[in-house]
Full PDB file with SEQRES, HELIX, SHEET, SSBOND, CRYST1, ORIGX, SCALE, CONECT and MASTER records, all heavy atoms in Angstrom:
SEQRES   1 A   42  HIS THR VAL GLN GLU MET LEU ALA VAL LEU ALA GLU LYS          
SEQRES   2 A   42  ASN ILE ALA SER VAL ALA LEU ARG THR GLU PRO ASP VAL          
SEQRES   3 A   42  PRO HIS GLU ARG ILE GLY ALA ALA ILE TYR SER ILE VAL          
SEQRES   4 A   42  ARG ALA ALA                                                  
HELIX    1 AA1 VAL A    3  GLU A   12  1                                  10    
HELIX    2 AA2 HIS A   28  ARG A   40  1                                  13    
CRYST1    1.000    1.000    1.000  90.00  90.00  90.00 P 1           1          
ORIGX1      1.000000  0.000000  0.000000        0.00000                         
ORIGX2      0.000000  1.000000  0.000000        0.00000                         
ORIGX3      0.000000  0.000000  1.000000        0.00000                         
SCALE1      1.000000  0.000000  0.000000        0.00000                         
SCALE2      0.000000  1.000000  0.000000        0.00000                         
SCALE3      0.000000  0.000000  1.000000        0.00000                         
ATOM      1  N   HIS A   1      95.309  73.864  98.683  1.00  0.00           N  
ATOM      2  CA  HIS A   1      94.583  73.544  97.456  1.00  0.00           C  
ATOM      3  C   HIS A   1      94.391  74.696  96.500  1.00  0.00           C  
ATOM      4  O   HIS A   1      94.252  74.477  95.258  1.00  0.00           O  
ATOM      5  CB  HIS A   1      93.198  72.995  97.872  1.00  0.00           C  
ATOM      6  CG  HIS A   1      93.262  71.735  98.716  1.00  0.00           C  
ATOM      7  ND1 HIS A   1      93.637  70.536  98.197  1.00  0.00           N  
ATOM      8  CD2 HIS A   1      93.057  71.567  99.972  1.00  0.00           C  
ATOM      9  CE1 HIS A   1      93.638  69.658  99.111  1.00  0.00           C  
ATOM     10  NE2 HIS A   1      93.249  70.226 100.256  1.00  0.00           N  
ATOM     11  N   THR A   2      94.463  75.886  96.986  1.00  0.00           N  
ATOM     12  CA  THR A   2      94.191  77.084  96.121  1.00  0.00           C  
ATOM     13  C   THR A   2      95.356  78.027  96.124  1.00  0.00           C  
ATOM     14  O   THR A   2      96.211  78.007  96.983  1.00  0.00           O  
ATOM     15  CB  THR A   2      92.929  77.815  96.603  1.00  0.00           C  
ATOM     16  OG1 THR A   2      93.212  78.426  97.818  1.00  0.00           O  
ATOM     17  CG2 THR A   2      91.734  76.950  96.702  1.00  0.00           C  
ATOM     18  N   VAL A   3      95.400  78.866  95.088  1.00  0.00           N  
ATOM     19  CA  VAL A   3      96.401  79.887  94.979  1.00  0.00           C  
ATOM     20  C   VAL A   3      96.319  80.850  96.153  1.00  0.00           C  
ATOM     21  O   VAL A   3      97.302  81.323  96.663  1.00  0.00           O  
ATOM     22  CB  VAL A   3      96.316  80.604  93.584  1.00  0.00           C  
ATOM     23  CG1 VAL A   3      97.237  81.830  93.521  1.00  0.00           C  
ATOM     24  CG2 VAL A   3      96.646  79.616  92.470  1.00  0.00           C  
ATOM     25  N   GLN A   4      95.069  81.162  96.579  1.00  0.00           N  
ATOM     26  CA  GLN A   4      94.906  82.086  97.707  1.00  0.00           C  
ATOM     27  C   GLN A   4      95.491  81.494  98.963  1.00  0.00           C  
ATOM     28  O   GLN A   4      96.123  82.227  99.748  1.00  0.00           O  
ATOM     29  CB  GLN A   4      93.410  82.376  97.884  1.00  0.00           C  
ATOM     30  CG  GLN A   4      92.787  83.285  96.808  1.00  0.00           C  
ATOM     31  CD  GLN A   4      92.494  82.442  95.547  1.00  0.00           C  
ATOM     32  OE1 GLN A   4      92.443  81.194  95.536  1.00  0.00           O  
ATOM     33  NE2 GLN A   4      92.348  83.164  94.441  1.00  0.00           N  
ATOM     34  N   GLU A   5      95.330  80.260  99.189  1.00  0.00           N  
ATOM     35  CA  GLU A   5      95.954  79.590 100.391  1.00  0.00           C  
ATOM     36  C   GLU A   5      97.441  79.625 100.267  1.00  0.00           C  
ATOM     37  O   GLU A   5      98.143  79.814 101.277  1.00  0.00           O  
ATOM     38  CB  GLU A   5      95.446  78.119 100.495  1.00  0.00           C  
ATOM     39  CG  GLU A   5      94.033  78.008 100.898  1.00  0.00           C  
ATOM     40  CD  GLU A   5      93.505  76.578 100.826  1.00  0.00           C  
ATOM     41  OE1 GLU A   5      93.990  75.785 100.019  1.00  0.00           O  
ATOM     42  OE2 GLU A   5      92.510  76.248 101.602  1.00  0.00           O  
ATOM     43  N   MET A   6      97.981  79.429  99.106  1.00  0.00           N  
ATOM     44  CA  MET A   6      99.406  79.512  98.857  1.00  0.00           C  
ATOM     45  C   MET A   6      99.946  80.862  99.231  1.00  0.00           C  
ATOM     46  O   MET A   6     100.951  81.017  99.969  1.00  0.00           O  
ATOM     47  CB  MET A   6      99.756  79.240  97.418  1.00  0.00           C  
ATOM     48  CG  MET A   6     101.247  79.411  97.024  1.00  0.00           C  
ATOM     49  SD  MET A   6     101.530  79.441  95.227  1.00  0.00           S  
ATOM     50  CE  MET A   6     100.771  80.990  94.763  1.00  0.00           C  
ATOM     51  N   LEU A   7      99.275  81.956  98.759  1.00  0.00           N  
ATOM     52  CA  LEU A   7      99.663  83.295  99.103  1.00  0.00           C  
ATOM     53  C   LEU A   7      99.621  83.525 100.578  1.00  0.00           C  
ATOM     54  O   LEU A   7     100.500  84.299 101.135  1.00  0.00           O  
ATOM     55  CB  LEU A   7      98.826  84.303  98.360  1.00  0.00           C  
ATOM     56  CG  LEU A   7      98.922  84.353  96.808  1.00  0.00           C  
ATOM     57  CD1 LEU A   7      97.933  85.250  96.189  1.00  0.00           C  
ATOM     58  CD2 LEU A   7     100.391  84.685  96.399  1.00  0.00           C  
ATOM     59  N   ALA A   8      98.633  83.006 101.267  1.00  0.00           N  
ATOM     60  CA  ALA A   8      98.525  83.172 102.734  1.00  0.00           C  
ATOM     61  C   ALA A   8      99.740  82.574 103.406  1.00  0.00           C  
ATOM     62  O   ALA A   8     100.302  83.137 104.361  1.00  0.00           O  
ATOM     63  CB  ALA A   8      97.260  82.568 103.230  1.00  0.00           C  
ATOM     64  N   VAL A   9     100.155  81.381 102.984  1.00  0.00           N  
ATOM     65  CA  VAL A   9     101.369  80.761 103.541  1.00  0.00           C  
ATOM     66  C   VAL A   9     102.611  81.572 103.312  1.00  0.00           C  
ATOM     67  O   VAL A   9     103.452  81.795 104.157  1.00  0.00           O  
ATOM     68  CB  VAL A   9     101.549  79.316 103.041  1.00  0.00           C  
ATOM     69  CG1 VAL A   9     102.862  78.732 103.524  1.00  0.00           C  
ATOM     70  CG2 VAL A   9     100.370  78.450 103.467  1.00  0.00           C  
ATOM     71  N   LEU A  10     102.740  82.094 102.069  1.00  0.00           N  
ATOM     72  CA  LEU A  10     103.886  82.961 101.733  1.00  0.00           C  
ATOM     73  C   LEU A  10     103.947  84.177 102.617  1.00  0.00           C  
ATOM     74  O   LEU A  10     104.991  84.571 103.116  1.00  0.00           O  
ATOM     75  CB  LEU A  10     103.844  83.340 100.273  1.00  0.00           C  
ATOM     76  CG  LEU A  10     104.080  82.236  99.228  1.00  0.00           C  
ATOM     77  CD1 LEU A  10     103.918  82.803  97.857  1.00  0.00           C  
ATOM     78  CD2 LEU A  10     105.418  81.616  99.385  1.00  0.00           C  
ATOM     79  N   ALA A  11     102.791  84.843 102.865  1.00  0.00           N  
ATOM     80  CA  ALA A  11     102.707  86.006 103.703  1.00  0.00           C  
ATOM     81  C   ALA A  11     102.963  85.658 105.157  1.00  0.00           C  
ATOM     82  O   ALA A  11     103.720  86.379 105.799  1.00  0.00           O  
ATOM     83  CB  ALA A  11     101.340  86.651 103.529  1.00  0.00           C  
ATOM     84  N   GLU A  12     102.384  84.545 105.588  1.00  0.00           N  
ATOM     85  CA  GLU A  12     102.521  84.162 106.978  1.00  0.00           C  
ATOM     86  C   GLU A  12     104.006  83.882 107.375  1.00  0.00           C  
ATOM     87  O   GLU A  12     104.496  84.191 108.406  1.00  0.00           O  
ATOM     88  CB  GLU A  12     101.661  82.879 107.197  1.00  0.00           C  
ATOM     89  CG  GLU A  12     101.869  82.242 108.604  1.00  0.00           C  
ATOM     90  CD  GLU A  12     101.073  80.903 108.659  1.00  0.00           C  
ATOM     91  OE1 GLU A  12      99.886  80.920 108.278  1.00  0.00           O  
ATOM     92  OE2 GLU A  12     101.678  79.933 109.057  1.00  0.00           O  
ATOM     93  N   LYS A  13     104.718  83.229 106.433  1.00  0.00           N  
ATOM     94  CA  LYS A  13     106.100  82.868 106.655  1.00  0.00           C  
ATOM     95  C   LYS A  13     107.056  83.918 106.137  1.00  0.00           C  
ATOM     96  O   LYS A  13     108.242  83.743 106.184  1.00  0.00           O  
ATOM     97  CB  LYS A  13     106.402  81.529 106.041  1.00  0.00           C  
ATOM     98  CG  LYS A  13     105.508  80.406 106.682  1.00  0.00           C  
ATOM     99  CD  LYS A  13     106.053  79.116 106.201  1.00  0.00           C  
ATOM    100  CE  LYS A  13     105.171  78.015 106.828  1.00  0.00           C  
ATOM    101  NZ  LYS A  13     105.582  77.575 108.102  1.00  0.00           N  
ATOM    102  N   ASN A  14     106.503  85.039 105.645  1.00  0.00           N  
ATOM    103  CA  ASN A  14     107.342  86.189 105.107  1.00  0.00           C  
ATOM    104  C   ASN A  14     108.366  85.700 104.073  1.00  0.00           C  
ATOM    105  O   ASN A  14     109.530  86.056 104.173  1.00  0.00           O  
ATOM    106  CB  ASN A  14     108.031  86.901 106.237  1.00  0.00           C  
ATOM    107  CG  ASN A  14     108.427  88.254 105.903  1.00  0.00           C  
ATOM    108  OD1 ASN A  14     107.870  88.864 104.972  1.00  0.00           O  
ATOM    109  ND2 ASN A  14     109.415  88.786 106.577  1.00  0.00           N  
ATOM    110  N   ILE A  15     107.889  84.947 103.088  1.00  0.00           N  
ATOM    111  CA  ILE A  15     108.753  84.442 102.028  1.00  0.00           C  
ATOM    112  C   ILE A  15     108.687  85.403 100.853  1.00  0.00           C  
ATOM    113  O   ILE A  15     107.582  85.680 100.295  1.00  0.00           O  
ATOM    114  CB  ILE A  15     108.237  83.011 101.602  1.00  0.00           C  
ATOM    115  CG1 ILE A  15     108.399  82.044 102.779  1.00  0.00           C  
ATOM    116  CG2 ILE A  15     109.120  82.537 100.430  1.00  0.00           C  
ATOM    117  CD1 ILE A  15     107.799  80.683 102.508  1.00  0.00           C  
ATOM    118  N   ALA A  16     109.840  85.923 100.507  1.00  0.00           N  
ATOM    119  CA  ALA A  16     109.929  86.957  99.425  1.00  0.00           C  
ATOM    120  C   ALA A  16     110.196  86.383  98.067  1.00  0.00           C  
ATOM    121  O   ALA A  16     109.826  86.967  97.060  1.00  0.00           O  
ATOM    122  CB  ALA A  16     110.997  87.969  99.744  1.00  0.00           C  
ATOM    123  N   SER A  17     110.867  85.198  97.956  1.00  0.00           N  
ATOM    124  CA  SER A  17     111.021  84.606  96.730  1.00  0.00           C  
ATOM    125  C   SER A  17     110.946  83.081  96.752  1.00  0.00           C  
ATOM    126  O   SER A  17     111.190  82.491  97.866  1.00  0.00           O  
ATOM    127  CB  SER A  17     112.469  84.977  96.149  1.00  0.00           C  
ATOM    128  OG  SER A  17     113.446  84.509  97.020  1.00  0.00           O  
ATOM    129  N   VAL A  18     110.636  82.476  95.727  1.00  0.00           N  
ATOM    130  CA  VAL A  18     110.357  81.047  95.591  1.00  0.00           C  
ATOM    131  C   VAL A  18     110.954  80.442  94.436  1.00  0.00           C  
ATOM    132  O   VAL A  18     111.175  81.096  93.393  1.00  0.00           O  
ATOM    133  CB  VAL A  18     108.883  80.646  95.700  1.00  0.00           C  
ATOM    134  CG1 VAL A  18     108.207  81.080  96.958  1.00  0.00           C  
ATOM    135  CG2 VAL A  18     108.165  81.174  94.491  1.00  0.00           C  
ATOM    136  N   ALA A  19     111.268  79.172  94.444  1.00  0.00           N  
ATOM    137  CA  ALA A  19     111.631  78.357  93.266  1.00  0.00           C  
ATOM    138  C   ALA A  19     110.356  77.570  92.881  1.00  0.00           C  
ATOM    139  O   ALA A  19     109.831  76.865  93.734  1.00  0.00           O  
ATOM    140  CB  ALA A  19     112.774  77.440  93.613  1.00  0.00           C  
ATOM    141  N   LEU A  20     109.935  77.724  91.742  1.00  0.00           N  
ATOM    142  CA  LEU A  20     108.641  77.087  91.260  1.00  0.00           C  
ATOM    143  C   LEU A  20     108.945  75.800  90.586  1.00  0.00           C  
ATOM    144  O   LEU A  20     109.800  75.760  89.672  1.00  0.00           O  
ATOM    145  CB  LEU A  20     107.910  78.053  90.333  1.00  0.00           C  
ATOM    146  CG  LEU A  20     106.527  77.611  89.938  1.00  0.00           C  
ATOM    147  CD1 LEU A  20     105.544  77.853  91.103  1.00  0.00           C  
ATOM    148  CD2 LEU A  20     106.031  78.393  88.740  1.00  0.00           C  
ATOM    149  N   ARG A  21     108.246  74.733  90.958  1.00  0.00           N  
ATOM    150  CA  ARG A  21     108.318  73.448  90.292  1.00  0.00           C  
ATOM    151  C   ARG A  21     106.922  72.993  89.983  1.00  0.00           C  
ATOM    152  O   ARG A  21     105.970  73.342  90.690  1.00  0.00           O  
ATOM    153  CB  ARG A  21     108.985  72.407  91.208  1.00  0.00           C  
ATOM    154  CG  ARG A  21     110.392  72.734  91.643  1.00  0.00           C  
ATOM    155  CD  ARG A  21     111.377  72.434  90.509  1.00  0.00           C  
ATOM    156  NE  ARG A  21     112.778  72.679  90.913  1.00  0.00           N  
ATOM    157  CZ  ARG A  21     113.385  73.827  90.648  1.00  0.00           C  
ATOM    158  NH1 ARG A  21     112.799  74.799  90.021  1.00  0.00           N  
ATOM    159  NH2 ARG A  21     114.646  74.015  91.100  1.00  0.00           N  
ATOM    160  N   THR A  22     106.834  72.179  88.956  1.00  0.00           N  
ATOM    161  CA  THR A  22     105.473  71.686  88.594  1.00  0.00           C  
ATOM    162  C   THR A  22     105.598  70.148  88.445  1.00  0.00           C  
ATOM    163  O   THR A  22     106.596  69.586  88.039  1.00  0.00           O  
ATOM    164  CB  THR A  22     104.963  72.252  87.270  1.00  0.00           C  
ATOM    165  OG1 THR A  22     105.813  71.963  86.230  1.00  0.00           O  
ATOM    166  CG2 THR A  22     104.835  73.754  87.371  1.00  0.00           C  
ATOM    167  N   GLU A  23     104.454  69.510  88.744  1.00  0.00           N  
ATOM    168  CA  GLU A  23     104.332  68.028  88.516  1.00  0.00           C  
ATOM    169  C   GLU A  23     104.104  67.929  86.996  1.00  0.00           C  
ATOM    170  O   GLU A  23     103.617  68.800  86.324  1.00  0.00           O  
ATOM    171  CB  GLU A  23     103.212  67.448  89.336  1.00  0.00           C  
ATOM    172  CG  GLU A  23     103.456  67.447  90.809  1.00  0.00           C  
ATOM    173  CD  GLU A  23     102.313  66.884  91.619  1.00  0.00           C  
ATOM    174  OE1 GLU A  23     101.232  66.666  90.996  1.00  0.00           O  
ATOM    175  OE2 GLU A  23     102.521  66.683  92.811  1.00  0.00           O  
ATOM    176  N   PRO A  24     104.350  66.752  86.469  1.00  0.00           N  
ATOM    177  CA  PRO A  24     104.048  66.494  85.085  1.00  0.00           C  
ATOM    178  C   PRO A  24     102.616  66.656  84.748  1.00  0.00           C  
ATOM    179  O   PRO A  24     101.742  66.321  85.584  1.00  0.00           O  
ATOM    180  CB  PRO A  24     104.472  65.033  84.815  1.00  0.00           C  
ATOM    181  CG  PRO A  24     105.465  64.749  85.908  1.00  0.00           C  
ATOM    182  CD  PRO A  24     105.034  65.579  87.093  1.00  0.00           C  
ATOM    183  N   ASP A  25     102.254  67.128  83.575  1.00  0.00           N  
ATOM    184  CA  ASP A  25     100.854  67.245  83.076  1.00  0.00           C  
ATOM    185  C   ASP A  25      99.952  68.175  83.884  1.00  0.00           C  
ATOM    186  O   ASP A  25      98.747  68.012  83.912  1.00  0.00           O  
ATOM    187  CB  ASP A  25     100.183  65.817  83.021  1.00  0.00           C  
ATOM    188  CG  ASP A  25     100.950  64.867  82.117  1.00  0.00           C  
ATOM    189  OD1 ASP A  25     101.559  65.365  81.099  1.00  0.00           O  
ATOM    190  OD2 ASP A  25     101.055  63.681  82.441  1.00  0.00           O  
ATOM    191  N   VAL A  26     100.515  69.187  84.540  1.00  0.00           N  
ATOM    192  CA  VAL A  26      99.695  70.224  85.121  1.00  0.00           C  
ATOM    193  C   VAL A  26      99.246  71.228  84.127  1.00  0.00           C  
ATOM    194  O   VAL A  26     100.090  71.622  83.242  1.00  0.00           O  
ATOM    195  CB  VAL A  26     100.485  70.945  86.268  1.00  0.00           C  
ATOM    196  CG1 VAL A  26      99.708  72.084  86.867  1.00  0.00           C  
ATOM    197  CG2 VAL A  26     100.930  69.967  87.336  1.00  0.00           C  
ATOM    198  N   PRO A  27      97.970  71.554  84.046  1.00  0.00           N  
ATOM    199  CA  PRO A  27      97.499  72.512  82.998  1.00  0.00           C  
ATOM    200  C   PRO A  27      98.235  73.807  83.110  1.00  0.00           C  
ATOM    201  O   PRO A  27      98.542  74.301  84.166  1.00  0.00           O  
ATOM    202  CB  PRO A  27      96.030  72.660  83.329  1.00  0.00           C  
ATOM    203  CG  PRO A  27      95.685  71.498  84.202  1.00  0.00           C  
ATOM    204  CD  PRO A  27      96.887  71.057  84.887  1.00  0.00           C  
ATOM    205  N   HIS A  28      98.536  74.391  81.962  1.00  0.00           N  
ATOM    206  CA  HIS A  28      99.292  75.626  81.875  1.00  0.00           C  
ATOM    207  C   HIS A  28      98.528  76.806  82.589  1.00  0.00           C  
ATOM    208  O   HIS A  28      99.193  77.679  83.098  1.00  0.00           O  
ATOM    209  CB  HIS A  28      99.563  75.985  80.430  1.00  0.00           C  
ATOM    210  CG  HIS A  28     100.598  75.113  79.757  1.00  0.00           C  
ATOM    211  ND1 HIS A  28     100.212  73.956  79.091  1.00  0.00           N  
ATOM    212  CD2 HIS A  28     101.921  75.203  79.697  1.00  0.00           C  
ATOM    213  CE1 HIS A  28     101.267  73.361  78.606  1.00  0.00           C  
ATOM    214  NE2 HIS A  28     102.341  74.097  78.973  1.00  0.00           N  
ATOM    215  N   GLU A  29      97.224  76.725  82.586  1.00  0.00           N  
ATOM    216  CA  GLU A  29      96.445  77.763  83.212  1.00  0.00           C  
ATOM    217  C   GLU A  29      96.700  77.777  84.733  1.00  0.00           C  
ATOM    218  O   GLU A  29      96.800  78.812  85.378  1.00  0.00           O  
ATOM    219  CB  GLU A  29      94.924  77.526  82.989  1.00  0.00           C  
ATOM    220  CG  GLU A  29      94.536  77.700  81.543  1.00  0.00           C  
ATOM    221  CD  GLU A  29      94.797  76.474  80.729  1.00  0.00           C  
ATOM    222  OE1 GLU A  29      95.113  75.429  81.212  1.00  0.00           O  
ATOM    223  OE2 GLU A  29      94.685  76.560  79.420  1.00  0.00           O  
ATOM    224  N   ARG A  30      96.883  76.579  85.334  1.00  0.00           N  
ATOM    225  CA  ARG A  30      97.103  76.501  86.788  1.00  0.00           C  
ATOM    226  C   ARG A  30      98.492  76.988  87.107  1.00  0.00           C  
ATOM    227  O   ARG A  30      98.700  77.779  88.089  1.00  0.00           O  
ATOM    228  CB  ARG A  30      96.931  75.047  87.266  1.00  0.00           C  
ATOM    229  CG  ARG A  30      97.155  74.856  88.742  1.00  0.00           C  
ATOM    230  CD  ARG A  30      96.495  73.587  89.208  1.00  0.00           C  
ATOM    231  NE  ARG A  30      96.811  73.217  90.578  1.00  0.00           N  
ATOM    232  CZ  ARG A  30      96.134  73.652  91.624  1.00  0.00           C  
ATOM    233  NH1 ARG A  30      95.147  74.474  91.468  1.00  0.00           N  
ATOM    234  NH2 ARG A  30      96.478  73.280  92.865  1.00  0.00           N  
ATOM    235  N   ILE A  31      99.499  76.681  86.304  1.00  0.00           N  
ATOM    236  CA  ILE A  31     100.835  77.129  86.461  1.00  0.00           C  
ATOM    237  C   ILE A  31     100.864  78.666  86.294  1.00  0.00           C  
ATOM    238  O   ILE A  31     101.461  79.354  87.171  1.00  0.00           O  
ATOM    239  CB  ILE A  31     101.842  76.484  85.538  1.00  0.00           C  
ATOM    240  CG1 ILE A  31     101.802  74.955  85.752  1.00  0.00           C  
ATOM    241  CG2 ILE A  31     103.219  77.085  85.607  1.00  0.00           C  
ATOM    242  CD1 ILE A  31     102.491  74.171  84.602  1.00  0.00           C  
ATOM    243  N   GLY A  32     100.231  79.192  85.234  1.00  0.00           N  
ATOM    244  CA  GLY A  32     100.185  80.572  85.025  1.00  0.00           C  
ATOM    245  C   GLY A  32      99.521  81.353  86.184  1.00  0.00           C  
ATOM    246  O   GLY A  32      99.954  82.385  86.573  1.00  0.00           O  
ATOM    247  N   ALA A  33      98.459  80.784  86.717  1.00  0.00           N  
ATOM    248  CA  ALA A  33      97.780  81.425  87.822  1.00  0.00           C  
ATOM    249  C   ALA A  33      98.675  81.536  89.005  1.00  0.00           C  
ATOM    250  O   ALA A  33      98.656  82.520  89.774  1.00  0.00           O  
ATOM    251  CB  ALA A  33      96.428  80.713  88.172  1.00  0.00           C  
ATOM    252  N   ALA A  34      99.402  80.489  89.266  1.00  0.00           N  
ATOM    253  CA  ALA A  34     100.355  80.458  90.453  1.00  0.00           C  
ATOM    254  C   ALA A  34     101.473  81.536  90.243  1.00  0.00           C  
ATOM    255  O   ALA A  34     101.745  82.386  91.136  1.00  0.00           O  
ATOM    256  CB  ALA A  34     100.977  79.095  90.641  1.00  0.00           C  
ATOM    257  N   ILE A  35     102.038  81.570  89.046  1.00  0.00           N  
ATOM    258  CA  ILE A  35     103.083  82.542  88.751  1.00  0.00           C  
ATOM    259  C   ILE A  35     102.524  83.982  88.850  1.00  0.00           C  
ATOM    260  O   ILE A  35     103.145  84.887  89.512  1.00  0.00           O  
ATOM    261  CB  ILE A  35     103.714  82.265  87.374  1.00  0.00           C  
ATOM    262  CG1 ILE A  35     104.487  80.974  87.400  1.00  0.00           C  
ATOM    263  CG2 ILE A  35     104.639  83.440  86.993  1.00  0.00           C  
ATOM    264  CD1 ILE A  35     104.926  80.554  86.018  1.00  0.00           C  
ATOM    265  N   TYR A  36     101.419  84.205  88.176  1.00  0.00           N  
ATOM    266  CA  TYR A  36     100.807  85.523  88.244  1.00  0.00           C  
ATOM    267  C   TYR A  36     100.485  86.004  89.653  1.00  0.00           C  
ATOM    268  O   TYR A  36     100.786  87.107  90.026  1.00  0.00           O  
ATOM    269  CB  TYR A  36      99.522  85.531  87.384  1.00  0.00           C  
ATOM    270  CG  TYR A  36      98.782  86.799  87.432  1.00  0.00           C  
ATOM    271  CD1 TYR A  36      99.182  87.910  86.652  1.00  0.00           C  
ATOM    272  CD2 TYR A  36      97.642  86.970  88.253  1.00  0.00           C  
ATOM    273  CE1 TYR A  36      98.468  89.109  86.686  1.00  0.00           C  
ATOM    274  CE2 TYR A  36      96.979  88.192  88.289  1.00  0.00           C  
ATOM    275  CZ  TYR A  36      97.375  89.235  87.493  1.00  0.00           C  
ATOM    276  OH  TYR A  36      96.722  90.463  87.553  1.00  0.00           O  
ATOM    277  N   SER A  37      99.979  85.087  90.470  1.00  0.00           N  
ATOM    278  CA  SER A  37      99.561  85.470  91.859  1.00  0.00           C  
ATOM    279  C   SER A  37     100.852  85.733  92.697  1.00  0.00           C  
ATOM    280  O   SER A  37     100.845  86.691  93.526  1.00  0.00           O  
ATOM    281  CB  SER A  37      98.813  84.301  92.448  1.00  0.00           C  
ATOM    282  OG  SER A  37      97.584  84.171  91.735  1.00  0.00           O  
ATOM    283  N   ILE A  38     101.867  84.916  92.516  1.00  0.00           N  
ATOM    284  CA  ILE A  38     103.121  85.184  93.265  1.00  0.00           C  
ATOM    285  C   ILE A  38     103.714  86.549  92.911  1.00  0.00           C  
ATOM    286  O   ILE A  38     104.089  87.316  93.811  1.00  0.00           O  
ATOM    287  CB  ILE A  38     104.140  83.998  92.950  1.00  0.00           C  
ATOM    288  CG1 ILE A  38     103.703  82.697  93.618  1.00  0.00           C  
ATOM    289  CG2 ILE A  38     105.493  84.430  93.517  1.00  0.00           C  
ATOM    290  CD1 ILE A  38     104.470  81.511  93.120  1.00  0.00           C  
ATOM    291  N   VAL A  39     103.816  86.851  91.623  1.00  0.00           N  
ATOM    292  CA  VAL A  39     104.352  88.129  91.198  1.00  0.00           C  
ATOM    293  C   VAL A  39     103.458  89.287  91.661  1.00  0.00           C  
ATOM    294  O   VAL A  39     103.931  90.345  92.114  1.00  0.00           O  
ATOM    295  CB  VAL A  39     104.644  88.130  89.675  1.00  0.00           C  
ATOM    296  CG1 VAL A  39     105.069  89.489  89.196  1.00  0.00           C  
ATOM    297  CG2 VAL A  39     105.686  87.033  89.365  1.00  0.00           C  
ATOM    298  N   ARG A  40     102.181  89.132  91.491  1.00  0.00           N  
ATOM    299  CA  ARG A  40     101.221  90.154  91.865  1.00  0.00           C  
ATOM    300  C   ARG A  40     101.307  90.468  93.343  1.00  0.00           C  
ATOM    301  O   ARG A  40     101.004  91.638  93.774  1.00  0.00           O  
ATOM    302  CB  ARG A  40      99.836  89.716  91.450  1.00  0.00           C  
ATOM    303  CG  ARG A  40      98.750  90.634  91.825  1.00  0.00           C  
ATOM    304  CD  ARG A  40      98.273  91.498  90.749  1.00  0.00           C  
ATOM    305  NE  ARG A  40      97.329  92.446  91.182  1.00  0.00           N  
ATOM    306  CZ  ARG A  40      96.400  93.023  90.522  1.00  0.00           C  
ATOM    307  NH1 ARG A  40      96.394  92.721  89.252  1.00  0.00           N  
ATOM    308  NH2 ARG A  40      95.642  93.861  91.010  1.00  0.00           N  
ATOM    309  N   ALA A  41     101.634  89.511  94.142  1.00  0.00           N  
ATOM    310  CA  ALA A  41     101.754  89.695  95.602  1.00  0.00           C  
ATOM    311  C   ALA A  41     103.140  90.261  95.959  1.00  0.00           C  
ATOM    312  O   ALA A  41     103.480  90.148  97.119  1.00  0.00           O  
ATOM    313  CB  ALA A  41     101.483  88.344  96.273  1.00  0.00           C  
ATOM    314  N   ALA A  42     103.785  90.739  94.970  1.00  0.00           N  
ATOM    315  CA  ALA A  42     105.200  91.401  95.217  1.00  0.00           C  
ATOM    316  C   ALA A  42     106.200  90.386  95.726  1.00  0.00           C  
ATOM    317  O   ALA A  42     107.090  90.696  96.485  1.00  0.00           O  
ATOM    318  CB  ALA A  42     105.107  92.588  96.163  1.00  0.00           C  
TER     319      ALA A  42                                                      
MASTER        0    0    0    2    0    0    0    6  318    1    0    4          
END                                                                             
């Protein structure tokens, strides 16, 4: 449900890169938060 939980899964599975997809009509702020968090987590 949250970006923090997403980052935990990425770390747990040692995933270094992802392909990002969005559902229609997702607020830009939510997409931006996901991108920012992924990049910030190296």
